[in-house]
Amino acid sequence: MNAVILGVGSNIDPEKHIRMALELLSEIGQVEKVSQWVKTAPVGISDQPDFINGAVKITTSLEREALARYLKKLEERLGRDRSAPKFGPRTIDLDIVVWNGQITDPDYYTRDFLKKSVDVLM
């Protein structure tokens, strides 16, 4: 089994989309722990609602590439519009931040809220 920490964020009906994402993650593994959720200002495009961000620790038998594909499909199932601007509003954003104890997402080092959320789960 692989131990994974995912960064989770949303600023379009975030309570609904984050809850749904956590439920759907059970299709591919076990949700072990969830961090506290924090409200953060948007990065890049400031004229949009604040984000709700946090992290979730899961265990899964999927390999990293298969998990990354699953997360993209899950984002699409929850209405993520990939034609929208990169830093624009989104229903859900799911990123692999830690893979089996190894930090894999450089945002961990530059986004304080992500580092705090992940560190609680490690």
PDB file of N, CA and C in Angstrom:
ATOM      1  N   MET A   1       0.842  -1.189   0.000  1.00  0.00           N
ATOM      2  CA  MET A   1       0.000   0.000   0.000  1.00  0.00           C
ATOM      3  C   MET A   1       0.886   1.251   0.000  1.00  0.00           C
ATOM      4  N   ASN A   2       0.410   2.261  -0.659  1.00  0.00           N
ATOM      5  CA  ASN A   2       1.105   3.539  -0.730  1.00  0.00           C
ATOM      6  C   ASN A   2       0.426   4.544   0.185  1.00  0.00           C
ATOM      7  N   ALA A   3       1.230   5.259   0.959  1.00  0.00           N
ATOM      8  CA  ALA A   3       0.733   6.329   1.829  1.00  0.00           C
ATOM      9  C   ALA A   3       0.911   7.645   1.085  1.00  0.00           C
ATOM     10  N   VAL A   4      -0.201   8.368   0.926  1.00  0.00           N
ATOM     11  CA  VAL A   4      -0.202   9.566   0.095  1.00  0.00           C
ATOM     12  C   VAL A   4      -0.895  10.699   0.829  1.00  0.00           C
ATOM     13  N   ILE A   5      -0.333  11.900   0.723  1.00  0.00           N
ATOM     14  CA  ILE A   5      -1.018  13.090   1.219  1.00  0.00           C
ATOM     15  C   ILE A   5      -1.357  13.953   0.018  1.00  0.00           C
ATOM     16  N   LEU A   6      -2.634  14.273  -0.074  1.00  0.00           N
ATOM     17  CA  LEU A   6      -3.136  15.089  -1.174  1.00  0.00           C
ATOM     18  C   LEU A   6      -3.458  16.479  -0.678  1.00  0.00           C
ATOM     19  N   GLY A   7      -3.082  17.494  -1.442  1.00  0.00           N
ATOM     20  CA  GLY A   7      -3.563  18.843  -1.214  1.00  0.00           C
ATOM     21  C   GLY A   7      -4.945  18.950  -1.839  1.00  0.00           C
ATOM     22  N   VAL A   8      -5.867  19.581  -1.115  1.00  0.00           N
ATOM     23  CA  VAL A   8      -7.252  19.699  -1.565  1.00  0.00           C
ATOM     24  C   VAL A   8      -7.653  21.164  -1.481  1.00  0.00           C
ATOM     25  N   GLY A   9      -8.292  21.670  -2.533  1.00  0.00           N
ATOM     26  CA  GLY A   9      -8.753  23.052  -2.507  1.00  0.00           C
ATOM     27  C   GLY A   9      -9.953  23.252  -3.397  1.00  0.00           C
ATOM     28  N   SER A  10     -10.763  24.259  -3.056  1.00  0.00           N
ATOM     29  CA  SER A  10     -11.940  24.613  -3.849  1.00  0.00           C
ATOM     30  C   SER A  10     -12.362  26.027  -3.504  1.00  0.00           C
ATOM     31  N   ASN A  11     -12.904  26.733  -4.514  1.00  0.00           N
ATOM     32  CA  ASN A  11     -13.533  28.024  -4.211  1.00  0.00           C
ATOM     33  C   ASN A  11     -14.868  28.185  -4.949  1.00  0.00           C
ATOM     34  N   ILE A  12     -15.400  27.091  -5.448  1.00  0.00           N
ATOM     35  CA  ILE A  12     -16.752  27.064  -6.006  1.00  0.00           C
ATOM     36  C   ILE A  12     -17.532  26.048  -5.174  1.00  0.00           C
ATOM     37  N   ASP A  13     -18.447  26.529  -4.334  1.00  0.00           N
ATOM     38  CA  ASP A  13     -19.214  25.664  -3.440  1.00  0.00           C
ATOM     39  C   ASP A  13     -18.278  24.670  -2.737  1.00  0.00           C
ATOM     40  N   PRO A  14     -17.260  25.191  -2.027  1.00  0.00           N
ATOM     41  CA  PRO A  14     -16.197  24.334  -1.509  1.00  0.00           C
ATOM     42  C   PRO A  14     -16.654  23.254  -0.529  1.00  0.00           C
ATOM     43  N   GLU A  15     -17.609  23.559   0.341  1.00  0.00           N
ATOM     44  CA  GLU A  15     -18.027  22.547   1.307  1.00  0.00           C
ATOM     45  C   GLU A  15     -18.564  21.316   0.583  1.00  0.00           C
ATOM     46  N   LYS A  16     -19.401  21.537  -0.417  1.00  0.00           N
ATOM     47  CA  LYS A  16     -19.988  20.436  -1.187  1.00  0.00           C
ATOM     48  C   LYS A  16     -18.913  19.662  -1.959  1.00  0.00           C
ATOM     49  N   HIS A  17     -18.059  20.371  -2.694  1.00  0.00           N
ATOM     50  CA  HIS A  17     -17.095  19.698  -3.554  1.00  0.00           C
ATOM     51  C   HIS A  17     -15.998  18.982  -2.767  1.00  0.00           C
ATOM     52  N   ILE A  18     -15.567  19.547  -1.662  1.00  0.00           N
ATOM     53  CA  ILE A  18     -14.553  18.870  -0.848  1.00  0.00           C
ATOM     54  C   ILE A  18     -15.155  17.611  -0.224  1.00  0.00           C
ATOM     55  N   ARG A  19     -16.369  17.708   0.300  1.00  0.00           N
ATOM     56  CA  ARG A  19     -17.029  16.538   0.888  1.00  0.00           C
ATOM     57  C   ARG A  19     -17.168  15.431  -0.154  1.00  0.00           C
ATOM     58  N   MET A  20     -17.621  15.791  -1.354  1.00  0.00           N
ATOM     59  CA  MET A  20     -17.784  14.797  -2.418  1.00  0.00           C
ATOM     60  C   MET A  20     -16.444  14.174  -2.812  1.00  0.00           C
ATOM     61  N   ALA A  21     -15.401  14.981  -2.907  1.00  0.00           N
ATOM     62  CA  ALA A  21     -14.081  14.456  -3.271  1.00  0.00           C
ATOM     63  C   ALA A  21     -13.605  13.451  -2.230  1.00  0.00           C
ATOM     64  N   LEU A  22     -13.776  13.766  -0.943  1.00  0.00           N
ATOM     65  CA  LEU A  22     -13.345  12.846   0.109  1.00  0.00           C
ATOM     66  C   LEU A  22     -14.126  11.538   0.031  1.00  0.00           C
ATOM     67  N   GLU A  23     -15.419  11.620  -0.246  1.00  0.00           N
ATOM     68  CA  GLU A  23     -16.228  10.407  -0.393  1.00  0.00           C
ATOM     69  C   GLU A  23     -15.754   9.570  -1.577  1.00  0.00           C
ATOM     70  N   LEU A  24     -15.475  10.220  -2.703  1.00  0.00           N
ATOM     71  CA  LEU A  24     -15.081   9.499  -3.912  1.00  0.00           C
ATOM     72  C   LEU A  24     -13.673   8.908  -3.805  1.00  0.00           C
ATOM     73  N   LEU A  25     -12.819   9.474  -2.966  1.00  0.00           N
ATOM     74  CA  LEU A  25     -11.485   8.906  -2.774  1.00  0.00           C
ATOM     75  C   LEU A  25     -11.560   7.495  -2.193  1.00  0.00           C
ATOM     76  N   SER A  26     -12.664   7.176  -1.522  1.00  0.00           N
ATOM     77  CA  SER A  26     -12.810   5.830  -0.951  1.00  0.00           C
ATOM     78  C   SER A  26     -12.913   4.761  -2.044  1.00  0.00           C
ATOM     79  N   GLU A  27     -13.147   5.167  -3.297  1.00  0.00           N
ATOM     80  CA  GLU A  27     -13.171   4.215  -4.414  1.00  0.00           C
ATOM     81  C   GLU A  27     -11.806   3.581  -4.654  1.00  0.00           C
ATOM     82  N   ILE A  28     -10.744   4.276  -4.284  1.00  0.00           N
ATOM     83  CA  ILE A  28      -9.400   3.787  -4.617  1.00  0.00           C
ATOM     84  C   ILE A  28      -8.518   3.595  -3.389  1.00  0.00           C
ATOM     85  N   GLY A  29      -9.081   3.738  -2.203  1.00  0.00           N
ATOM     86  CA  GLY A  29      -8.269   3.548  -1.011  1.00  0.00           C
ATOM     87  C   GLY A  29      -9.010   3.945   0.243  1.00  0.00           C
ATOM     88  N   GLN A  30      -8.247   4.102   1.282  1.00  0.00           N
ATOM     89  CA  GLN A  30      -8.791   4.433   2.597  1.00  0.00           C
ATOM     90  C   GLN A  30      -8.368   5.849   2.985  1.00  0.00           C
ATOM     91  N   VAL A  31      -9.343   6.676   3.347  1.00  0.00           N
ATOM     92  CA  VAL A  31      -9.020   7.997   3.876  1.00  0.00           C
ATOM     93  C   VAL A  31      -8.613   7.802   5.331  1.00  0.00           C
ATOM     94  N   GLU A  32      -7.373   8.136   5.655  1.00  0.00           N
ATOM     95  CA  GLU A  32      -6.822   7.907   6.991  1.00  0.00           C
ATOM     96  C   GLU A  32      -7.011   9.105   7.924  1.00  0.00           C
ATOM     97  N   LYS A  33      -6.712  10.301   7.415  1.00  0.00           N
ATOM     98  CA  LYS A  33      -6.764  11.526   8.222  1.00  0.00           C
ATOM     99  C   LYS A  33      -7.071  12.702   7.321  1.00  0.00           C
ATOM    100  N   VAL A  34      -7.687  13.714   7.920  1.00  0.00           N
ATOM    101  CA  VAL A  34      -7.980  14.948   7.200  1.00  0.00           C
ATOM    102  C   VAL A  34      -7.487  16.114   8.058  1.00  0.00           C
ATOM    103  N   SER A  35      -6.812  17.058   7.438  1.00  0.00           N
ATOM    104  CA  SER A  35      -6.330  18.243   8.157  1.00  0.00           C
ATOM    105  C   SER A  35      -7.492  19.189   8.442  1.00  0.00           C
ATOM    106  N   GLN A  36      -7.195  20.234   9.166  1.00  0.00           N
ATOM    107  CA  GLN A  36      -8.161  21.318   9.310  1.00  0.00           C
ATOM    108  C   GLN A  36      -8.251  22.044   7.975  1.00  0.00           C
ATOM    109  N   TRP A  37      -9.373  22.689   7.752  1.00  0.00           N
ATOM    110  CA  TRP A  37      -9.579  23.458   6.524  1.00  0.00           C
ATOM    111  C   TRP A  37      -9.315  24.919   6.822  1.00  0.00           C
ATOM    112  N   VAL A  38      -8.634  25.594   5.892  1.00  0.00           N
ATOM    113  CA  VAL A  38      -8.315  27.005   6.073  1.00  0.00           C
ATOM    114  C   VAL A  38      -8.781  27.798   4.859  1.00  0.00           C
ATOM    115  N   LYS A  39      -9.186  29.020   5.116  1.00  0.00           N
ATOM    116  CA  LYS A  39      -9.581  29.926   4.035  1.00  0.00           C
ATOM    117  C   LYS A  39      -8.336  30.685   3.601  1.00  0.00           C
ATOM    118  N   THR A  40      -8.094  30.711   2.284  1.00  0.00           N
ATOM    119  CA  THR A  40      -6.920  31.401   1.762  1.00  0.00           C
ATOM    120  C   THR A  40      -7.315  32.300   0.596  1.00  0.00           C
ATOM    121  N   ALA A  41      -6.591  33.371   0.450  1.00  0.00           N
ATOM    122  CA  ALA A  41      -6.806  34.276  -0.680  1.00  0.00           C
ATOM    123  C   ALA A  41      -6.320  33.597  -1.957  1.00  0.00           C
ATOM    124  N   PRO A  42      -6.972  33.865  -3.080  1.00  0.00           N
ATOM    125  CA  PRO A  42      -6.532  33.268  -4.338  1.00  0.00           C
ATOM    126  C   PRO A  42      -5.149  33.767  -4.745  1.00  0.00           C
ATOM    127  N   VAL A  43      -4.430  32.922  -5.467  1.00  0.00           N
ATOM    128  CA  VAL A  43      -3.104  33.249  -5.987  1.00  0.00           C
ATOM    129  C   VAL A  43      -3.230  33.479  -7.487  1.00  0.00           C
ATOM    130  N   GLY A  44      -2.617  34.531  -7.988  1.00  0.00           N
ATOM    131  CA  GLY A  44      -2.605  34.757  -9.430  1.00  0.00           C
ATOM    132  C   GLY A  44      -3.732  35.652  -9.915  1.00  0.00           C
ATOM    133  N   ILE A  45      -4.959  35.230  -9.733  1.00  0.00           N
ATOM    134  CA  ILE A  45      -6.136  36.011 -10.131  1.00  0.00           C
ATOM    135  C   ILE A  45      -6.888  36.353  -8.852  1.00  0.00           C
ATOM    136  N   SER A  46      -6.830  37.620  -8.448  1.00  0.00           N
ATOM    137  CA  SER A  46      -7.393  37.995  -7.146  1.00  0.00           C
ATOM    138  C   SER A  46      -8.897  38.238  -7.177  1.00  0.00           C
ATOM    139  N   ASP A  47      -9.482  38.462  -8.352  1.00  0.00           N
ATOM    140  CA  ASP A  47     -10.905  38.774  -8.460  1.00  0.00           C
ATOM    141  C   ASP A  47     -11.737  37.488  -8.543  1.00  0.00           C
ATOM    142  N   GLN A  48     -11.746  36.744  -7.439  1.00  0.00           N
ATOM    143  CA  GLN A  48     -12.508  35.511  -7.320  1.00  0.00           C
ATOM    144  C   GLN A  48     -12.662  35.197  -5.836  1.00  0.00           C
ATOM    145  N   PRO A  49     -13.575  34.294  -5.481  1.00  0.00           N
ATOM    146  CA  PRO A  49     -13.766  33.975  -4.066  1.00  0.00           C
ATOM    147  C   PRO A  49     -12.513  33.350  -3.446  1.00  0.00           C
ATOM    148  N   ASP A  50     -12.409  33.484  -2.118  1.00  0.00           N
ATOM    149  CA  ASP A  50     -11.333  32.814  -1.389  1.00  0.00           C
ATOM    150  C   ASP A  50     -11.469  31.302  -1.547  1.00  0.00           C
ATOM    151  N   PHE A  51     -10.371  30.611  -1.339  1.00  0.00           N
ATOM    152  CA  PHE A  51     -10.342  29.150  -1.401  1.00  0.00           C
ATOM    153  C   PHE A  51     -10.477  28.563   0.000  1.00  0.00           C
ATOM    154  N   ILE A  52     -10.996  27.364   0.059  1.00  0.00           N
ATOM    155  CA  ILE A  52     -10.905  26.529   1.247  1.00  0.00           C
ATOM    156  C   ILE A  52      -9.885  25.457   0.889  1.00  0.00           C
ATOM    157  N   ASN A  53      -8.829  25.340   1.704  1.00  0.00           N
ATOM    158  CA  ASN A  53      -7.733  24.410   1.431  1.00  0.00           C
ATOM    159  C   ASN A  53      -7.425  23.555   2.645  1.00  0.00           C
ATOM    160  N   GLY A  54      -6.874  22.403   2.362  1.00  0.00           N
ATOM    161  CA  GLY A  54      -6.427  21.492   3.404  1.00  0.00           C
ATOM    162  C   GLY A  54      -5.710  20.330   2.754  1.00  0.00           C
ATOM    163  N   ALA A  55      -5.607  19.242   3.517  1.00  0.00           N
ATOM    164  CA  ALA A  55      -4.924  18.056   3.003  1.00  0.00           C
ATOM    165  C   ALA A  55      -5.600  16.813   3.570  1.00  0.00           C
ATOM    166  N   VAL A  56      -5.418  15.716   2.863  1.00  0.00           N
ATOM    167  CA  VAL A  56      -5.982  14.437   3.285  1.00  0.00           C
ATOM    168  C   VAL A  56      -4.922  13.362   3.086  1.00  0.00           C
ATOM    169  N   LYS A  57      -4.826  12.474   4.069  1.00  0.00           N
ATOM    170  CA  LYS A  57      -3.894  11.347   3.972  1.00  0.00           C
ATOM    171  C   LYS A  57      -4.699  10.113   3.604  1.00  0.00           C
ATOM    172  N   ILE A  58      -4.263   9.430   2.542  1.00  0.00           N
ATOM    173  CA  ILE A  58      -4.932   8.205   2.119  1.00  0.00           C
ATOM    174  C   ILE A  58      -3.909   7.083   1.983  1.00  0.00           C
ATOM    175  N   THR A  59      -4.391   5.854   2.008  1.00  0.00           N
ATOM    176  CA  THR A  59      -3.588   4.713   1.600  1.00  0.00           C
ATOM    177  C   THR A  59      -4.280   4.108   0.390  1.00  0.00           C
ATOM    178  N   THR A  60      -3.490   3.733  -0.594  1.00  0.00           N
ATOM    179  CA  THR A  60      -4.033   3.198  -1.836  1.00  0.00           C
ATOM    180  C   THR A  60      -3.067   2.186  -2.434  1.00  0.00           C
ATOM    181  N   SER A  61      -3.622   1.232  -3.161  1.00  0.00           N
ATOM    182  CA  SER A  61      -2.781   0.271  -3.880  1.00  0.00           C
ATOM    183  C   SER A  61      -2.376   0.806  -5.247  1.00  0.00           C
ATOM    184  N   LEU A  62      -2.973   1.923  -5.675  1.00  0.00           N
ATOM    185  CA  LEU A  62      -2.617   2.505  -6.969  1.00  0.00           C
ATOM    186  C   LEU A  62      -1.175   2.996  -6.964  1.00  0.00           C
ATOM    187  N   GLU A  63      -0.519   2.849  -8.096  1.00  0.00           N
ATOM    188  CA  GLU A  63       0.798   3.444  -8.270  1.00  0.00           C
ATOM    189  C   GLU A  63       0.609   4.938  -8.551  1.00  0.00           C
ATOM    190  N   ARG A  64       1.688   5.696  -8.457  1.00  0.00           N
ATOM    191  CA  ARG A  64       1.598   7.153  -8.518  1.00  0.00           C
ATOM    192  C   ARG A  64       0.953   7.670  -9.810  1.00  0.00           C
ATOM    193  N   GLU A  65       1.356   7.144 -10.949  1.00  0.00           N
ATOM    194  CA  GLU A  65       0.808   7.615 -12.224  1.00  0.00           C
ATOM    195  C   GLU A  65      -0.687   7.299 -12.323  1.00  0.00           C
ATOM    196  N   ALA A  66      -1.084   6.111 -11.865  1.00  0.00           N
ATOM    197  CA  ALA A  66      -2.502   5.726 -11.889  1.00  0.00           C
ATOM    198  C   ALA A  66      -3.309   6.621 -10.951  1.00  0.00           C
ATOM    199  N   LEU A  67      -2.745   6.952  -9.797  1.00  0.00           N
ATOM    200  CA  LEU A  67      -3.429   7.845  -8.867  1.00  0.00           C
ATOM    201  C   LEU A  67      -3.578   9.235  -9.486  1.00  0.00           C
ATOM    202  N   ALA A  68      -2.539   9.732 -10.128  1.00  0.00           N
ATOM    203  CA  ALA A  68      -2.607  11.053 -10.769  1.00  0.00           C
ATOM    204  C   ALA A  68      -3.710  11.077 -11.829  1.00  0.00           C
ATOM    205  N   ARG A  69      -3.820  10.014 -12.619  1.00  0.00           N
ATOM    206  CA  ARG A  69      -4.894   9.938 -13.626  1.00  0.00           C
ATOM    207  C   ARG A  69      -6.265   9.903 -12.949  1.00  0.00           C
ATOM    208  N   TYR A  70      -6.386   9.123 -11.883  1.00  0.00           N
ATOM    209  CA  TYR A  70      -7.657   9.043 -11.157  1.00  0.00           C
ATOM    210  C   TYR A  70      -8.050  10.422 -10.612  1.00  0.00           C
ATOM    211  N   LEU A  71      -7.092  11.153 -10.051  1.00  0.00           N
ATOM    212  CA  LEU A  71      -7.393  12.474  -9.481  1.00  0.00           C
ATOM    213  C   LEU A  71      -7.890  13.434 -10.558  1.00  0.00           C
ATOM    214  N   LYS A  72      -7.274  13.399 -11.730  1.00  0.00           N
ATOM    215  CA  LYS A  72      -7.742  14.262 -12.832  1.00  0.00           C
ATOM    216  C   LYS A  72      -9.175  13.907 -13.217  1.00  0.00           C
ATOM    217  N   LYS A  73      -9.472  12.623 -13.299  1.00  0.00           N
ATOM    218  CA  LYS A  73     -10.838  12.196 -13.639  1.00  0.00           C
ATOM    219  C   LYS A  73     -11.817  12.585 -12.537  1.00  0.00           C
ATOM    220  N   LEU A  74     -11.387  12.483 -11.296  1.00  0.00           N
ATOM    221  CA  LEU A  74     -12.248  12.872 -10.176  1.00  0.00           C
ATOM    222  C   LEU A  74     -12.541  14.366 -10.238  1.00  0.00           C
ATOM    223  N   GLU A  75     -11.515  15.181 -10.528  1.00  0.00           N
ATOM    224  CA  GLU A  75     -11.726  16.623 -10.682  1.00  0.00           C
ATOM    225  C   GLU A  75     -12.751  16.895 -11.791  1.00  0.00           C
ATOM    226  N   GLU A  76     -12.629  16.185 -12.889  1.00  0.00           N
ATOM    227  CA  GLU A  76     -13.566  16.371 -13.997  1.00  0.00           C
ATOM    228  C   GLU A  76     -14.983  15.939 -13.607  1.00  0.00           C
ATOM    229  N   ARG A  77     -15.113  14.832 -12.871  1.00  0.00           N
ATOM    230  CA  ARG A  77     -16.425  14.373 -12.398  1.00  0.00           C
ATOM    231  C   ARG A  77     -17.100  15.427 -11.531  1.00  0.00           C
ATOM    232  N   LEU A  78     -16.287  16.192 -10.807  1.00  0.00           N
ATOM    233  CA  LEU A  78     -16.829  17.216  -9.918  1.00  0.00           C
ATOM    234  C   LEU A  78     -16.918  18.584 -10.606  1.00  0.00           C
ATOM    235  N   GLY A  79     -16.760  18.607 -11.927  1.00  0.00           N
ATOM    236  CA  GLY A  79     -17.011  19.829 -12.678  1.00  0.00           C
ATOM    237  C   GLY A  79     -15.828  20.741 -12.910  1.00  0.00           C
ATOM    238  N   ARG A  80     -14.613  20.272 -12.693  1.00  0.00           N
ATOM    239  CA  ARG A  80     -13.437  21.114 -12.942  1.00  0.00           C
ATOM    240  C   ARG A  80     -13.348  21.449 -14.415  1.00  0.00           C
ATOM    241  N   ASP A  81     -13.227  22.719 -14.719  1.00  0.00           N
ATOM    242  CA  ASP A  81     -13.148  23.204 -16.097  1.00  0.00           C
ATOM    243  C   ASP A  81     -11.689  23.478 -16.432  1.00  0.00           C
ATOM    244  N   ARG A  82     -11.082  22.599 -17.205  1.00  0.00           N
ATOM    245  CA  ARG A  82      -9.662  22.740 -17.539  1.00  0.00           C
ATOM    246  C   ARG A  82      -9.409  23.807 -18.606  1.00  0.00           C
ATOM    247  N   SER A  83     -10.464  24.319 -19.214  1.00  0.00           N
ATOM    248  CA  SER A  83     -10.269  25.394 -20.193  1.00  0.00           C
ATOM    249  C   SER A  83     -10.208  26.756 -19.506  1.00  0.00           C
ATOM    250  N   ALA A  84     -10.554  26.799 -18.222  1.00  0.00           N
ATOM    251  CA  ALA A  84     -10.504  28.050 -17.460  1.00  0.00           C
ATOM    252  C   ALA A  84      -9.048  28.420 -17.172  1.00  0.00           C
ATOM    253  N   PRO A  85      -8.788  29.687 -16.825  1.00  0.00           N
ATOM    254  CA  PRO A  85      -7.413  30.093 -16.498  1.00  0.00           C
ATOM    255  C   PRO A  85      -6.822  29.233 -15.369  1.00  0.00           C
ATOM    256  N   LYS A  86      -5.522  28.985 -15.457  1.00  0.00           N
ATOM    257  CA  LYS A  86      -4.821  28.109 -14.503  1.00  0.00           C
ATOM    258  C   LYS A  86      -5.089  28.495 -13.050  1.00  0.00           C
ATOM    259  N   PHE A  87      -5.076  29.753 -12.735  1.00  0.00           N
ATOM    260  CA  PHE A  87      -5.269  30.179 -11.347  1.00  0.00           C
ATOM    261  C   PHE A  87      -6.675  30.709 -11.092  1.00  0.00           C
ATOM    262  N   GLY A  88      -7.601  30.331 -11.949  1.00  0.00           N
ATOM    263  CA  GLY A  88      -8.983  30.787 -11.809  1.00  0.00           C
ATOM    264  C   GLY A  88      -9.776  29.938 -10.835  1.00  0.00           C
ATOM    265  N   PRO A  89     -11.066  30.264 -10.677  1.00  0.00           N
ATOM    266  CA  PRO A  89     -11.934  29.513  -9.774  1.00  0.00           C
ATOM    267  C   PRO A  89     -12.023  28.041 -10.188  1.00  0.00           C
ATOM    268  N   ARG A  90     -12.234  27.175  -9.198  1.00  0.00           N
ATOM    269  CA  ARG A  90     -12.372  25.749  -9.511  1.00  0.00           C
ATOM    270  C   ARG A  90     -13.238  25.042  -8.486  1.00  0.00           C
ATOM    271  N   THR A  91     -13.928  24.022  -8.963  1.00  0.00           N
ATOM    272  CA  THR A  91     -14.768  23.221  -8.069  1.00  0.00           C
ATOM    273  C   THR A  91     -13.909  22.393  -7.136  1.00  0.00           C
ATOM    274  N   ILE A  92     -12.809  21.863  -7.650  1.00  0.00           N
ATOM    275  CA  ILE A  92     -11.923  21.046  -6.815  1.00  0.00           C
ATOM    276  C   ILE A  92     -10.531  21.018  -7.438  1.00  0.00           C
ATOM    277  N   ASP A  93      -9.539  20.989  -6.588  1.00  0.00           N
ATOM    278  CA  ASP A  93      -8.148  20.853  -6.998  1.00  0.00           C
ATOM    279  C   ASP A  93      -7.540  19.790  -6.098  1.00  0.00           C
ATOM    280  N   LEU A  94      -7.005  18.733  -6.695  1.00  0.00           N
ATOM    281  CA  LEU A  94      -6.409  17.623  -5.946  1.00  0.00           C
ATOM    282  C   LEU A  94      -4.996  17.396  -6.450  1.00  0.00           C
ATOM    283  N   ASP A  95      -4.019  17.497  -5.560  1.00  0.00           N
ATOM    284  CA  ASP A  95      -2.624  17.343  -5.944  1.00  0.00           C
ATOM    285  C   ASP A  95      -1.915  16.382  -5.003  1.00  0.00           C
ATOM    286  N   ILE A  96      -1.088  15.513  -5.580  1.00  0.00           N
ATOM    287  CA  ILE A  96      -0.237  14.643  -4.768  1.00  0.00           C
ATOM    288  C   ILE A  96       0.889  15.504  -4.215  1.00  0.00           C
ATOM    289  N   VAL A  97       0.956  15.620  -2.889  1.00  0.00           N
ATOM    290  CA  VAL A  97       1.980  16.444  -2.243  1.00  0.00           C
ATOM    291  C   VAL A  97       3.065  15.570  -1.623  1.00  0.00           C
ATOM    292  N   VAL A  98       2.654  14.439  -1.036  1.00  0.00           N
ATOM    293  CA  VAL A  98       3.608  13.521  -0.408  1.00  0.00           C
ATOM    294  C   VAL A  98       3.296  12.108  -0.904  1.00  0.00           C
ATOM    295  N   TRP A  99       4.328  11.414  -1.359  1.00  0.00           N
ATOM    296  CA  TRP A  99       4.191  10.035  -1.829  1.00  0.00           C
ATOM    297  C   TRP A  99       5.132   9.172  -0.991  1.00  0.00           C
ATOM    298  N   ASN A 100       4.554   8.306  -0.167  1.00  0.00           N
ATOM    299  CA  ASN A 100       5.339   7.407   0.686  1.00  0.00           C
ATOM    300  C   ASN A 100       6.447   8.145   1.439  1.00  0.00           C
ATOM    301  N   GLY A 101       6.068   9.253   2.073  1.00  0.00           N
ATOM    302  CA  GLY A 101       6.995  10.005   2.915  1.00  0.00           C
ATOM    303  C   GLY A 101       7.858  11.010   2.182  1.00  0.00           C
ATOM    304  N   GLN A 102       7.811  11.042   0.859  1.00  0.00           N
ATOM    305  CA  GLN A 102       8.643  11.951   0.062  1.00  0.00           C
ATOM    306  C   GLN A 102       7.790  13.099  -0.481  1.00  0.00           C
ATOM    307  N   ILE A 103       8.211  14.323  -0.211  1.00  0.00           N
ATOM    308  CA  ILE A 103       7.492  15.491  -0.729  1.00  0.00           C
ATOM    309  C   ILE A 103       7.719  15.561  -2.233  1.00  0.00           C
ATOM    310  N   THR A 104       6.607  15.644  -2.981  1.00  0.00           N
ATOM    311  CA  THR A 104       6.675  15.612  -4.448  1.00  0.00           C
ATOM    312  C   THR A 104       6.146  16.883  -5.105  1.00  0.00           C
ATOM    313  N   ASP A 105       5.566  17.775  -4.324  1.00  0.00           N
ATOM    314  CA  ASP A 105       4.970  18.990  -4.893  1.00  0.00           C
ATOM    315  C   ASP A 105       5.735  20.204  -4.384  1.00  0.00           C
ATOM    316  N   PRO A 106       6.356  20.980  -5.284  1.00  0.00           N
ATOM    317  CA  PRO A 106       7.137  22.144  -4.840  1.00  0.00           C
ATOM    318  C   PRO A 106       6.293  23.201  -4.126  1.00  0.00           C
ATOM    319  N   ASP A 107       4.964  23.195  -4.326  1.00  0.00           N
ATOM    320  CA  ASP A 107       4.105  24.156  -3.621  1.00  0.00           C
ATOM    321  C   ASP A 107       4.189  23.969  -2.105  1.00  0.00           C
ATOM    322  N   TYR A 108       4.568  22.792  -1.658  1.00  0.00           N
ATOM    323  CA  TYR A 108       4.737  22.536  -0.227  1.00  0.00           C
ATOM    324  C   TYR A 108       5.697  23.562   0.390  1.00  0.00           C
ATOM    325  N   TYR A 109       6.719  23.928  -0.350  1.00  0.00           N
ATOM    326  CA  TYR A 109       7.754  24.830   0.164  1.00  0.00           C
ATOM    327  C   TYR A 109       7.390  26.312   0.043  1.00  0.00           C
ATOM    328  N   THR A 110       6.395  26.632  -0.779  1.00  0.00           N
ATOM    329  CA  THR A 110       6.083  28.042  -1.020  1.00  0.00           C
ATOM    330  C   THR A 110       4.718  28.478  -0.496  1.00  0.00           C
ATOM    331  N   ARG A 111       3.883  27.539  -0.132  1.00  0.00           N
ATOM    332  CA  ARG A 111       2.538  27.879   0.356  1.00  0.00           C
ATOM    333  C   ARG A 111       2.406  27.415   1.793  1.00  0.00           C
ATOM    334  N   ASP A 112       2.450  28.383   2.686  1.00  0.00           N
ATOM    335  CA  ASP A 112       2.471  28.096   4.118  1.00  0.00           C
ATOM    336  C   ASP A 112       1.277  27.252   4.560  1.00  0.00           C
ATOM    337  N   PHE A 113       0.083  27.567   4.044  1.00  0.00           N
ATOM    338  CA  PHE A 113      -1.105  26.811   4.444  1.00  0.00           C
ATOM    339  C   PHE A 113      -0.966  25.337   4.060  1.00  0.00           C
ATOM    340  N   LEU A 114      -0.350  25.054   2.920  1.00  0.00           N
ATOM    341  CA  LEU A 114      -0.173  23.668   2.465  1.00  0.00           C
ATOM    342  C   LEU A 114       0.827  22.953   3.364  1.00  0.00           C
ATOM    343  N   LYS A 115       1.923  23.610   3.648  1.00  0.00           N
ATOM    344  CA  LYS A 115       2.948  23.013   4.520  1.00  0.00           C
ATOM    345  C   LYS A 115       2.347  22.674   5.886  1.00  0.00           C
ATOM    346  N   LYS A 116       1.591  23.595   6.469  1.00  0.00           N
ATOM    347  CA  LYS A 116       0.988  23.349   7.787  1.00  0.00           C
ATOM    348  C   LYS A 116      -0.001  22.189   7.724  1.00  0.00           C
ATOM    349  N   SER A 117      -0.838  22.171   6.689  1.00  0.00           N
ATOM    350  CA  SER A 117      -1.840  21.101   6.548  1.00  0.00           C
ATOM    351  C   SER A 117      -1.168  19.739   6.383  1.00  0.00           C
ATOM    352  N   VAL A 118      -0.135  19.685   5.572  1.00  0.00           N
ATOM    353  CA  VAL A 118       0.559  18.428   5.306  1.00  0.00           C
ATOM    354  C   VAL A 118       1.328  17.974   6.542  1.00  0.00           C
ATOM    355  N   ASP A 119       2.030  18.892   7.203  1.00  0.00           N
ATOM    356  CA  ASP A 119       2.854  18.518   8.348  1.00  0.00           C
ATOM    357  C   ASP A 119       2.032  17.866   9.461  1.00  0.00           C
ATOM    358  N   VAL A 120       0.793  18.286   9.613  1.00  0.00           N
ATOM    359  CA  VAL A 120      -0.085  17.694  10.628  1.00  0.00           C
ATOM    360  C   VAL A 120      -0.370  16.217  10.315  1.00  0.00           C
ATOM    361  N   LEU A 121      -0.356  15.873   9.053  1.00  0.00           N
ATOM    362  CA  LEU A 121      -0.706  14.512   8.634  1.00  0.00           C
ATOM    363  C   LEU A 121       0.482  13.576   8.513  1.00  0.00           C
ATOM    364  N   MET A 122       1.703  14.130   8.528  1.00  0.00           N
ATOM    365  CA  MET A 122       2.898  13.283   8.348  1.00  0.00           C
ATOM    366  C   MET A 122       3.251  12.516   9.607  1.00  0.00           C
TER     367      MET A 122
END
